[in-house]
Amino acid sequence: MARKDLLMDIGTEELSHLEVIGTLARMHLKPCKKNRAAAEADPLIAIVGGGGVGLHNSQGNPWTADYLKISGQLEVDLRNNIAAEARAKIVYERLIDFCDGAGSRDALQFLMTREITHMKAFMAALDSMGLDPLQVGDFEPSPSQYESILTTPQALGTMETLIVGDHGTKPRMSSTLRLPPG
């Protein structure tokens, strides 16, 4: 039950992050409502959006549940959440670099710090499961195949589309992948 509570708490907090980001965006877009030059700089925001914020990704696609990645395996989902929090931290760093206002920078710094807190919470939840770092799912790999892959480079198979090339030459396609000895 503790893991479920953790996930619910972090999920609820993530929704509040959207509210903070939306408020920051509205604050920065407010000049588009009344300042003609600002509105002409981005008429889509000023006229169609009324100076408000639409939930769209960087390519202009509306937010959908497709952004949620759920496998049904808690250990996989926790690892995915850790990676998502790391990506969010990087996005906040980039936003801070583009931001001049001290208040906006402070808000983004707070949100970035919360992403680190979430990463640590997800890592603690994953650790509490007592799994080996590479243990995923319910079935163990075949011991003989696993050992073969670790000890025999040829067991890795071939890679049909490895691009090989060096400076000044046109890349060519190679039909096999050869691992260095050792």
N, C-alpha and C. Protein backbone atom coordinates (compact mmCIF):
# COMPACT_ATOMS: atom_id res chain seq x y z
N MET A 1 0.82 -1.19 0.00
CA MET A 1 0.00 0.00 0.00
C MET A 1 0.87 1.26 0.00
N ALA A 2 2.04 1.19 0.61
CA ALA A 2 2.91 2.37 0.69
C ALA A 2 3.35 2.81 -0.70
N ARG A 3 3.64 1.85 -1.61
CA ARG A 3 4.05 2.21 -2.97
C ARG A 3 2.91 2.88 -3.71
N LYS A 4 1.69 2.37 -3.53
CA LYS A 4 0.54 2.97 -4.20
C LYS A 4 0.32 4.40 -3.70
N ASP A 5 0.44 4.61 -2.41
CA ASP A 5 0.31 5.96 -1.85
C ASP A 5 1.36 6.89 -2.42
N LEU A 6 2.60 6.39 -2.53
CA LEU A 6 3.68 7.18 -3.09
C LEU A 6 3.34 7.60 -4.52
N LEU A 7 2.90 6.65 -5.33
CA LEU A 7 2.57 6.95 -6.72
C LEU A 7 1.42 7.94 -6.82
N MET A 8 0.41 7.79 -5.99
CA MET A 8 -0.73 8.72 -5.99
C MET A 8 -0.28 10.13 -5.58
N ASP A 9 0.57 10.21 -4.55
CA ASP A 9 1.05 11.52 -4.08
C ASP A 9 1.86 12.22 -5.16
N ILE A 10 2.78 11.48 -5.78
CA ILE A 10 3.61 12.10 -6.81
C ILE A 10 2.77 12.48 -8.03
N GLY A 11 1.81 11.62 -8.41
CA GLY A 11 0.92 11.94 -9.53
C GLY A 11 0.14 13.21 -9.28
N THR A 12 -0.37 13.36 -8.06
CA THR A 12 -1.11 14.57 -7.70
C THR A 12 -0.20 15.80 -7.75
N GLU A 13 1.02 15.64 -7.25
CA GLU A 13 1.96 16.76 -7.28
C GLU A 13 2.32 17.14 -8.71
N GLU A 14 2.45 16.14 -9.58
CA GLU A 14 2.77 16.44 -10.99
C GLU A 14 1.67 17.29 -11.62
N LEU A 15 0.42 17.04 -11.26
CA LEU A 15 -0.67 17.88 -11.78
C LEU A 15 -0.52 19.32 -11.30
N SER A 16 -0.05 19.50 -10.07
CA SER A 16 0.16 20.86 -9.58
C SER A 16 1.33 21.51 -10.32
N HIS A 17 2.30 20.71 -10.78
CA HIS A 17 3.39 21.26 -11.58
C HIS A 17 2.85 21.86 -12.87
N LEU A 18 1.88 21.16 -13.48
CA LEU A 18 1.25 21.70 -14.69
C LEU A 18 0.59 23.04 -14.40
N GLU A 19 -0.03 23.16 -13.23
CA GLU A 19 -0.68 24.41 -12.86
C GLU A 19 0.35 25.53 -12.72
N VAL A 20 1.49 25.24 -12.10
CA VAL A 20 2.53 26.25 -11.94
C VAL A 20 3.07 26.67 -13.30
N ILE A 21 3.37 25.70 -14.15
CA ILE A 21 3.89 26.01 -15.49
C ILE A 21 2.85 26.81 -16.28
N GLY A 22 1.59 26.42 -16.19
CA GLY A 22 0.53 27.16 -16.87
C GLY A 22 0.43 28.59 -16.39
N THR A 23 0.56 28.79 -15.08
CA THR A 23 0.52 30.14 -14.52
C THR A 23 1.70 30.97 -15.01
N LEU A 24 2.90 30.35 -15.03
CA LEU A 24 4.08 31.06 -15.54
C LEU A 24 3.88 31.43 -17.01
N ALA A 25 3.37 30.49 -17.79
CA ALA A 25 3.17 30.77 -19.22
C ALA A 25 2.15 31.88 -19.41
N ARG A 26 1.04 31.83 -18.67
CA ARG A 26 0.04 32.91 -18.78
C ARG A 26 0.64 34.26 -18.40
N MET A 27 1.45 34.26 -17.35
CA MET A 27 2.07 35.50 -16.90
C MET A 27 2.98 36.07 -18.00
N HIS A 28 3.75 35.20 -18.64
CA HIS A 28 4.67 35.66 -19.68
C HIS A 28 3.96 35.98 -20.99
N LEU A 29 2.80 35.38 -21.20
CA LEU A 29 2.05 35.64 -22.44
C LEU A 29 1.05 36.79 -22.30
N LYS A 30 0.87 37.29 -21.09
CA LYS A 30 -0.12 38.34 -20.85
C LYS A 30 0.05 39.55 -21.77
N PRO A 31 1.28 39.97 -22.08
CA PRO A 31 1.42 41.11 -22.99
C PRO A 31 0.78 40.85 -24.36
N CYS A 32 0.62 39.60 -24.75
CA CYS A 32 0.00 39.29 -26.04
C CYS A 32 -1.46 39.71 -26.09
N LYS A 33 -2.10 39.84 -24.93
CA LYS A 33 -3.52 40.20 -24.91
C LYS A 33 -3.75 41.66 -25.27
N LYS A 34 -2.86 42.55 -24.87
CA LYS A 34 -3.13 43.97 -25.03
C LYS A 34 -2.08 44.72 -25.83
N ASN A 35 -0.93 44.14 -26.04
CA ASN A 35 0.16 44.80 -26.74
C ASN A 35 0.17 44.30 -28.19
N ARG A 36 -0.13 45.19 -29.13
CA ARG A 36 -0.26 44.80 -30.54
C ARG A 36 1.03 44.18 -31.08
N ALA A 37 2.18 44.76 -30.73
CA ALA A 37 3.45 44.22 -31.24
C ALA A 37 3.68 42.80 -30.72
N ALA A 38 3.37 42.58 -29.45
CA ALA A 38 3.53 41.24 -28.88
C ALA A 38 2.55 40.27 -29.52
N ALA A 39 1.32 40.74 -29.77
CA ALA A 39 0.30 39.88 -30.40
C ALA A 39 0.70 39.54 -31.83
N GLU A 40 1.28 40.50 -32.54
CA GLU A 40 1.69 40.24 -33.92
C GLU A 40 2.87 39.27 -33.97
N ALA A 41 3.66 39.23 -32.89
CA ALA A 41 4.79 38.30 -32.85
C ALA A 41 4.30 36.86 -32.85
N ASP A 42 3.16 36.60 -32.21
CA ASP A 42 2.58 35.26 -32.22
C ASP A 42 1.06 35.38 -32.18
N PRO A 43 0.44 35.65 -33.33
CA PRO A 43 -1.00 35.86 -33.35
C PRO A 43 -1.81 34.64 -32.94
N LEU A 44 -1.26 33.45 -33.12
CA LEU A 44 -2.00 32.24 -32.74
C LEU A 44 -2.28 32.23 -31.25
N ILE A 45 -1.30 32.63 -30.45
CA ILE A 45 -1.49 32.68 -29.00
C ILE A 45 -2.45 33.82 -28.65
N ALA A 46 -2.26 34.98 -29.26
CA ALA A 46 -3.03 36.16 -28.90
C ALA A 46 -4.48 36.07 -29.34
N ILE A 47 -4.70 35.63 -30.58
CA ILE A 47 -6.05 35.69 -31.12
C ILE A 47 -6.81 34.39 -30.89
N VAL A 48 -6.23 33.28 -31.29
CA VAL A 48 -6.92 32.00 -31.16
C VAL A 48 -6.96 31.55 -29.71
N GLY A 49 -5.83 31.70 -29.01
CA GLY A 49 -5.76 31.22 -27.63
C GLY A 49 -6.14 32.25 -26.60
N GLY A 50 -6.37 33.49 -27.02
CA GLY A 50 -6.75 34.53 -26.07
C GLY A 50 -5.64 34.82 -25.06
N GLY A 51 -4.42 34.48 -25.41
CA GLY A 51 -3.30 34.71 -24.49
C GLY A 51 -3.14 33.59 -23.48
N GLY A 52 -3.96 32.56 -23.60
CA GLY A 52 -3.88 31.44 -22.66
C GLY A 52 -2.95 30.34 -23.15
N VAL A 53 -2.89 29.28 -22.39
CA VAL A 53 -1.99 28.18 -22.68
C VAL A 53 -2.78 26.97 -23.15
N GLY A 54 -2.38 26.41 -24.28
CA GLY A 54 -2.96 25.15 -24.74
C GLY A 54 -2.05 24.00 -24.35
N LEU A 55 -2.63 22.85 -24.06
CA LEU A 55 -1.82 21.69 -23.69
C LEU A 55 -1.40 20.96 -24.95
N HIS A 56 -0.28 21.40 -25.52
CA HIS A 56 0.26 20.82 -26.74
C HIS A 56 1.74 20.53 -26.55
N ASN A 57 2.24 19.55 -27.29
CA ASN A 57 3.68 19.28 -27.22
C ASN A 57 4.42 20.25 -28.14
N SER A 58 5.73 20.09 -28.24
CA SER A 58 6.53 21.04 -29.00
C SER A 58 6.26 20.99 -30.50
N GLN A 59 5.61 19.93 -30.98
CA GLN A 59 5.24 19.85 -32.39
C GLN A 59 3.81 20.34 -32.65
N GLY A 60 3.13 20.80 -31.60
CA GLY A 60 1.79 21.33 -31.75
C GLY A 60 0.68 20.30 -31.61
N ASN A 61 1.03 19.07 -31.24
CA ASN A 61 0.01 18.02 -31.07
C ASN A 61 -0.61 18.13 -29.68
N PRO A 62 -1.95 18.01 -29.60
CA PRO A 62 -2.60 18.12 -28.29
C PRO A 62 -2.21 16.98 -27.36
N TRP A 63 -2.24 17.27 -26.07
CA TRP A 63 -1.92 16.26 -25.06
C TRP A 63 -2.96 15.15 -25.12
N THR A 64 -2.49 13.92 -25.05
CA THR A 64 -3.39 12.77 -24.99
C THR A 64 -2.83 11.77 -23.98
N ALA A 65 -3.61 10.77 -23.68
CA ALA A 65 -3.15 9.71 -22.78
C ALA A 65 -2.04 8.87 -23.41
N ASP A 66 -1.76 9.08 -24.69
CA ASP A 66 -0.64 8.38 -25.33
C ASP A 66 0.69 8.71 -24.66
N TYR A 67 0.74 9.82 -23.95
CA TYR A 67 1.97 10.19 -23.27
C TYR A 67 2.23 9.31 -22.05
N LEU A 68 1.21 8.62 -21.58
CA LEU A 68 1.37 7.74 -20.41
C LEU A 68 1.92 6.40 -20.87
N LYS A 69 2.98 5.98 -20.25
CA LYS A 69 3.61 4.71 -20.59
C LYS A 69 3.49 3.78 -19.39
N ILE A 70 2.58 2.83 -19.48
CA ILE A 70 2.32 1.91 -18.38
C ILE A 70 2.48 0.49 -18.89
N SER A 71 3.35 -0.28 -18.24
CA SER A 71 3.61 -1.65 -18.69
C SER A 71 2.83 -2.68 -17.90
N GLY A 72 2.40 -2.33 -16.70
CA GLY A 72 1.76 -3.31 -15.84
C GLY A 72 2.76 -4.06 -14.97
N GLN A 73 4.04 -3.79 -15.14
CA GLN A 73 5.10 -4.35 -14.30
C GLN A 73 5.65 -3.20 -13.48
N LEU A 74 5.42 -3.23 -12.18
CA LEU A 74 5.78 -2.10 -11.33
C LEU A 74 7.25 -1.73 -11.45
N GLU A 75 8.14 -2.75 -11.51
CA GLU A 75 9.57 -2.42 -11.58
C GLU A 75 9.93 -1.71 -12.88
N VAL A 76 9.26 -2.06 -13.96
CA VAL A 76 9.49 -1.40 -15.25
C VAL A 76 8.94 0.02 -15.21
N ASP A 77 7.74 0.17 -14.66
CA ASP A 77 7.13 1.49 -14.59
C ASP A 77 7.91 2.43 -13.66
N LEU A 78 8.45 1.90 -12.56
CA LEU A 78 9.26 2.75 -11.68
C LEU A 78 10.53 3.21 -12.39
N ARG A 79 11.17 2.32 -13.14
CA ARG A 79 12.37 2.71 -13.89
C ARG A 79 12.02 3.75 -14.95
N ASN A 80 10.87 3.58 -15.60
CA ASN A 80 10.41 4.55 -16.60
C ASN A 80 10.14 5.90 -15.94
N ASN A 81 9.56 5.87 -14.74
CA ASN A 81 9.29 7.12 -14.02
C ASN A 81 10.57 7.83 -13.63
N ILE A 82 11.58 7.06 -13.22
CA ILE A 82 12.88 7.66 -12.89
C ILE A 82 13.45 8.37 -14.11
N ALA A 83 13.37 7.70 -15.27
CA ALA A 83 13.88 8.31 -16.50
C ALA A 83 13.06 9.54 -16.88
N ALA A 84 11.74 9.49 -16.70
CA ALA A 84 10.88 10.64 -17.03
C ALA A 84 11.21 11.83 -16.13
N GLU A 85 11.45 11.58 -14.86
CA GLU A 85 11.81 12.67 -13.95
C GLU A 85 13.16 13.28 -14.34
N ALA A 86 14.10 12.43 -14.78
CA ALA A 86 15.40 12.94 -15.23
C ALA A 86 15.22 13.82 -16.46
N ARG A 87 14.36 13.38 -17.40
CA ARG A 87 14.11 14.21 -18.59
C ARG A 87 13.46 15.53 -18.19
N ALA A 88 12.53 15.50 -17.24
CA ALA A 88 11.87 16.73 -16.80
C ALA A 88 12.87 17.68 -16.16
N LYS A 89 13.82 17.14 -15.39
CA LYS A 89 14.84 17.99 -14.78
C LYS A 89 15.63 18.73 -15.86
N ILE A 90 15.99 18.03 -16.91
CA ILE A 90 16.75 18.65 -18.00
C ILE A 90 15.92 19.74 -18.68
N VAL A 91 14.63 19.48 -18.87
CA VAL A 91 13.76 20.50 -19.48
C VAL A 91 13.71 21.74 -18.60
N TYR A 92 13.59 21.57 -17.28
CA TYR A 92 13.58 22.73 -16.39
C TYR A 92 14.90 23.49 -16.47
N GLU A 93 16.03 22.77 -16.55
CA GLU A 93 17.32 23.45 -16.71
C GLU A 93 17.32 24.32 -17.96
N ARG A 94 16.79 23.76 -19.05
CA ARG A 94 16.77 24.52 -20.31
C ARG A 94 15.83 25.72 -20.22
N LEU A 95 14.70 25.55 -19.56
CA LEU A 95 13.77 26.67 -19.37
C LEU A 95 14.43 27.77 -18.54
N ILE A 96 15.15 27.38 -17.49
CA ILE A 96 15.83 28.36 -16.64
C ILE A 96 16.82 29.16 -17.47
N ASP A 97 17.51 28.50 -18.39
CA ASP A 97 18.47 29.20 -19.24
C ASP A 97 17.81 30.27 -20.11
N PHE A 98 16.54 30.08 -20.46
CA PHE A 98 15.83 31.02 -21.33
C PHE A 98 15.06 32.07 -20.54
N CYS A 99 15.10 32.00 -19.23
CA CYS A 99 14.24 32.84 -18.41
C CYS A 99 15.04 33.97 -17.76
N ASP A 100 14.52 35.20 -17.88
CA ASP A 100 15.19 36.35 -17.29
C ASP A 100 14.64 36.71 -15.91
N GLY A 101 13.36 36.48 -15.68
CA GLY A 101 12.71 36.91 -14.44
C GLY A 101 13.13 36.07 -13.25
N ALA A 102 13.52 36.74 -12.17
CA ALA A 102 13.97 36.03 -10.96
C ALA A 102 12.86 35.15 -10.38
N GLY A 103 11.63 35.65 -10.36
CA GLY A 103 10.51 34.87 -9.83
C GLY A 103 10.25 33.61 -10.65
N SER A 104 10.32 33.75 -11.97
CA SER A 104 10.12 32.59 -12.84
C SER A 104 11.26 31.59 -12.67
N ARG A 105 12.47 32.10 -12.56
CA ARG A 105 13.63 31.21 -12.35
C ARG A 105 13.49 30.46 -11.03
N ASP A 106 13.04 31.16 -9.99
CA ASP A 106 12.86 30.50 -8.68
C ASP A 106 11.79 29.41 -8.76
N ALA A 107 10.69 29.69 -9.44
CA ALA A 107 9.63 28.69 -9.58
C ALA A 107 10.13 27.47 -10.35
N LEU A 108 10.85 27.71 -11.43
CA LEU A 108 11.39 26.60 -12.22
C LEU A 108 12.44 25.83 -11.42
N GLN A 109 13.25 26.53 -10.64
CA GLN A 109 14.24 25.86 -9.79
C GLN A 109 13.54 24.97 -8.77
N PHE A 110 12.44 25.45 -8.19
CA PHE A 110 11.67 24.65 -7.24
C PHE A 110 11.14 23.39 -7.92
N LEU A 111 10.54 23.55 -9.10
CA LEU A 111 10.01 22.39 -9.80
C LEU A 111 11.12 21.41 -10.17
N MET A 112 12.26 21.92 -10.59
CA MET A 112 13.39 21.06 -10.94
C MET A 112 13.83 20.25 -9.70
N THR A 113 13.86 20.90 -8.55
CA THR A 113 14.25 20.22 -7.32
C THR A 113 13.25 19.13 -6.95
N ARG A 114 11.97 19.39 -7.19
CA ARG A 114 10.95 18.37 -6.92
C ARG A 114 11.14 17.16 -7.83
N GLU A 115 11.59 17.36 -9.05
CA GLU A 115 11.83 16.22 -9.95
C GLU A 115 12.91 15.32 -9.37
N ILE A 116 13.93 15.92 -8.78
CA ILE A 116 14.99 15.13 -8.14
C ILE A 116 14.41 14.36 -6.95
N THR A 117 13.56 15.02 -6.18
CA THR A 117 12.90 14.36 -5.04
C THR A 117 12.08 13.17 -5.52
N HIS A 118 11.35 13.35 -6.63
CA HIS A 118 10.55 12.25 -7.18
C HIS A 118 11.44 11.11 -7.64
N MET A 119 12.56 11.44 -8.29
CA MET A 119 13.50 10.39 -8.72
C MET A 119 13.95 9.57 -7.53
N LYS A 120 14.31 10.24 -6.44
CA LYS A 120 14.77 9.53 -5.25
C LYS A 120 13.65 8.67 -4.65
N ALA A 121 12.43 9.17 -4.66
CA ALA A 121 11.30 8.39 -4.13
C ALA A 121 11.04 7.15 -5.00
N PHE A 122 11.08 7.31 -6.32
CA PHE A 122 10.89 6.16 -7.20
C PHE A 122 12.03 5.15 -7.03
N MET A 123 13.26 5.66 -6.84
CA MET A 123 14.40 4.76 -6.63
C MET A 123 14.24 4.00 -5.32
N ALA A 124 13.76 4.65 -4.27
CA ALA A 124 13.53 3.98 -2.98
C ALA A 124 12.43 2.93 -3.12
N ALA A 125 11.37 3.25 -3.87
CA ALA A 125 10.30 2.27 -4.07
C ALA A 125 10.82 1.06 -4.85
N LEU A 126 11.62 1.31 -5.86
CA LEU A 126 12.21 0.21 -6.63
C LEU A 126 13.13 -0.63 -5.75
N ASP A 127 13.95 0.04 -4.95
CA ASP A 127 14.85 -0.67 -4.04
C ASP A 127 14.08 -1.51 -3.03
N SER A 128 12.93 -1.03 -2.59
CA SER A 128 12.12 -1.76 -1.60
C SER A 128 11.57 -3.07 -2.16
N MET A 129 11.58 -3.21 -3.48
CA MET A 129 11.09 -4.45 -4.08
C MET A 129 12.13 -5.56 -3.98
N GLY A 130 13.39 -5.21 -3.65
CA GLY A 130 14.42 -6.21 -3.46
C GLY A 130 14.83 -6.95 -4.72
N LEU A 131 14.74 -6.30 -5.86
CA LEU A 131 15.07 -6.94 -7.13
C LEU A 131 16.51 -6.64 -7.52
N ASP A 132 17.11 -7.57 -8.26
CA ASP A 132 18.41 -7.29 -8.86
C ASP A 132 18.21 -6.17 -9.88
N PRO A 133 19.25 -5.36 -10.16
CA PRO A 133 19.10 -4.23 -11.07
C PRO A 133 18.54 -4.59 -12.46
N LEU A 134 18.87 -5.76 -12.96
CA LEU A 134 18.40 -6.13 -14.30
C LEU A 134 17.23 -7.11 -14.27
N GLN A 135 16.67 -7.35 -13.10
CA GLN A 135 15.54 -8.27 -13.01
C GLN A 135 14.27 -7.54 -13.47
N VAL A 136 13.68 -8.09 -14.52
CA VAL A 136 12.48 -7.49 -15.11
C VAL A 136 11.48 -8.60 -15.40
N GLY A 137 10.24 -8.39 -15.05
CA GLY A 137 9.19 -9.36 -15.37
C GLY A 137 9.19 -10.54 -14.42
N ASP A 138 8.41 -11.54 -14.81
CA ASP A 138 8.19 -12.69 -13.94
C ASP A 138 9.01 -13.91 -14.31
N PHE A 139 9.53 -13.98 -15.53
CA PHE A 139 10.24 -15.16 -15.98
C PHE A 139 11.74 -14.90 -16.07
N GLU A 140 12.51 -15.87 -15.63
CA GLU A 140 13.96 -15.79 -15.73
C GLU A 140 14.37 -16.13 -17.16
N PRO A 141 15.46 -15.54 -17.65
CA PRO A 141 15.96 -15.93 -18.97
C PRO A 141 16.52 -17.34 -18.89
N SER A 142 16.60 -17.99 -20.03
CA SER A 142 17.16 -19.34 -20.10
C SER A 142 18.63 -19.26 -19.69
N PRO A 143 19.03 -19.97 -18.63
CA PRO A 143 20.42 -19.89 -18.16
C PRO A 143 21.43 -20.26 -19.24
N SER A 144 21.15 -21.27 -20.04
CA SER A 144 22.12 -21.68 -21.05
C SER A 144 22.25 -20.62 -22.15
N GLN A 145 21.15 -20.03 -22.57
CA GLN A 145 21.21 -18.98 -23.59
C GLN A 145 21.87 -17.73 -23.03
N TYR A 146 21.54 -17.39 -21.81
CA TYR A 146 22.11 -16.20 -21.18
C TYR A 146 23.62 -16.35 -21.06
N GLU A 147 24.09 -17.50 -20.58
CA GLU A 147 25.52 -17.76 -20.45
C GLU A 147 26.20 -17.73 -21.81
N SER A 148 25.54 -18.27 -22.83
CA SER A 148 26.10 -18.29 -24.18
C SER A 148 26.29 -16.88 -24.71
N ILE A 149 25.33 -16.01 -24.46
CA ILE A 149 25.42 -14.62 -24.93
C ILE A 149 26.57 -13.90 -24.24
N LEU A 150 26.77 -14.19 -22.96
CA LEU A 150 27.83 -13.52 -22.22
C LEU A 150 29.22 -14.00 -22.61
N THR A 151 29.33 -15.24 -23.08
CA THR A 151 30.66 -15.80 -23.32
C THR A 151 31.01 -15.97 -24.79
N THR A 152 30.03 -15.93 -25.70
CA THR A 152 30.30 -16.19 -27.11
C THR A 152 29.81 -15.02 -27.95
N PRO A 153 30.74 -14.19 -28.46
CA PRO A 153 30.31 -13.03 -29.26
C PRO A 153 29.46 -13.43 -30.47
N GLN A 154 29.72 -14.59 -31.07
CA GLN A 154 28.96 -15.01 -32.24
C GLN A 154 27.48 -15.23 -31.89
N ALA A 155 27.18 -15.52 -30.64
CA ALA A 155 25.79 -15.75 -30.24
C ALA A 155 24.96 -14.47 -30.29
N LEU A 156 25.64 -13.34 -30.35
CA LEU A 156 24.91 -12.08 -30.46
C LEU A 156 24.26 -11.92 -31.83
N GLY A 157 24.68 -12.74 -32.78
CA GLY A 157 24.10 -12.71 -34.11
C GLY A 157 24.72 -11.63 -34.97
N THR A 158 24.03 -11.32 -36.02
CA THR A 158 24.53 -10.30 -36.95
C THR A 158 23.63 -9.09 -36.93
N MET A 159 24.19 -8.03 -37.37
CA MET A 159 23.42 -6.80 -37.48
C MET A 159 23.39 -6.45 -38.95
N GLU A 160 22.20 -6.47 -39.52
CA GLU A 160 22.06 -6.34 -40.97
C GLU A 160 22.31 -4.93 -41.49
N THR A 161 22.14 -3.94 -40.67
CA THR A 161 22.22 -2.59 -41.21
C THR A 161 23.20 -1.69 -40.47
N LEU A 162 24.33 -2.25 -40.06
CA LEU A 162 25.33 -1.45 -39.38
C LEU A 162 26.00 -0.53 -40.40
N ILE A 163 26.01 0.74 -40.10
CA ILE A 163 26.65 1.69 -41.01
C ILE A 163 28.10 1.85 -40.59
N VAL A 164 29.00 1.63 -41.54
CA VAL A 164 30.43 1.72 -41.27
C VAL A 164 31.02 2.79 -42.18
N GLY A 165 31.89 3.62 -41.67
CA GLY A 165 32.55 4.64 -42.48
C GLY A 165 33.51 5.43 -41.64
N ASP A 166 34.38 6.18 -42.30
CA ASP A 166 35.27 7.06 -41.58
C ASP A 166 35.31 8.40 -42.29
N HIS A 167 36.07 9.33 -41.77
CA HIS A 167 36.10 10.69 -42.33
C HIS A 167 36.57 10.64 -43.78
N GLY A 168 35.86 11.33 -44.63
CA GLY A 168 36.26 11.44 -46.03
C GLY A 168 35.78 10.31 -46.91
N THR A 169 35.15 9.32 -46.35
CA THR A 169 34.65 8.22 -47.18
C THR A 169 33.14 8.14 -47.03
N LYS A 170 32.52 7.61 -48.02
CA LYS A 170 31.08 7.44 -47.99
C LYS A 170 30.76 6.23 -47.09
N PRO A 171 29.83 6.37 -46.15
CA PRO A 171 29.48 5.23 -45.31
C PRO A 171 28.97 4.07 -46.18
N ARG A 172 29.29 2.87 -45.78
CA ARG A 172 28.81 1.69 -46.49
C ARG A 172 28.08 0.79 -45.50
N MET A 173 27.28 -0.08 -46.04
CA MET A 173 26.53 -1.00 -45.20
C MET A 173 27.35 -2.26 -44.98
N SER A 174 27.37 -2.74 -43.75
CA SER A 174 28.06 -3.98 -43.43
C SER A 174 27.02 -4.99 -43.01
N SER A 175 27.21 -6.25 -43.38
CA SER A 175 26.20 -7.24 -43.07
C SER A 175 26.42 -7.91 -41.71
N THR A 176 27.56 -7.70 -41.07
CA THR A 176 27.79 -8.34 -39.78
C THR A 176 28.38 -7.36 -38.79
N LEU A 177 28.23 -7.71 -37.54
CA LEU A 177 28.82 -6.95 -36.47
C LEU A 177 29.87 -7.82 -35.83
N ARG A 178 31.09 -7.37 -35.79
CA ARG A 178 32.18 -8.11 -35.16
C ARG A 178 32.60 -7.38 -33.89
N LEU A 179 32.59 -8.09 -32.80
CA LEU A 179 33.00 -7.51 -31.53
C LEU A 179 34.51 -7.63 -31.40
N PRO A 180 35.13 -6.63 -30.77
CA PRO A 180 36.58 -6.72 -30.57
C PRO A 180 36.90 -7.87 -29.62
N PRO A 181 38.07 -8.52 -29.80
CA PRO A 181 38.42 -9.61 -28.89
C PRO A 181 38.60 -9.11 -27.47
N GLY A 182 38.35 -10.00 -26.54
CA GLY A 182 38.59 -9.65 -25.14
C GLY A 182 37.37 -9.36 -24.45
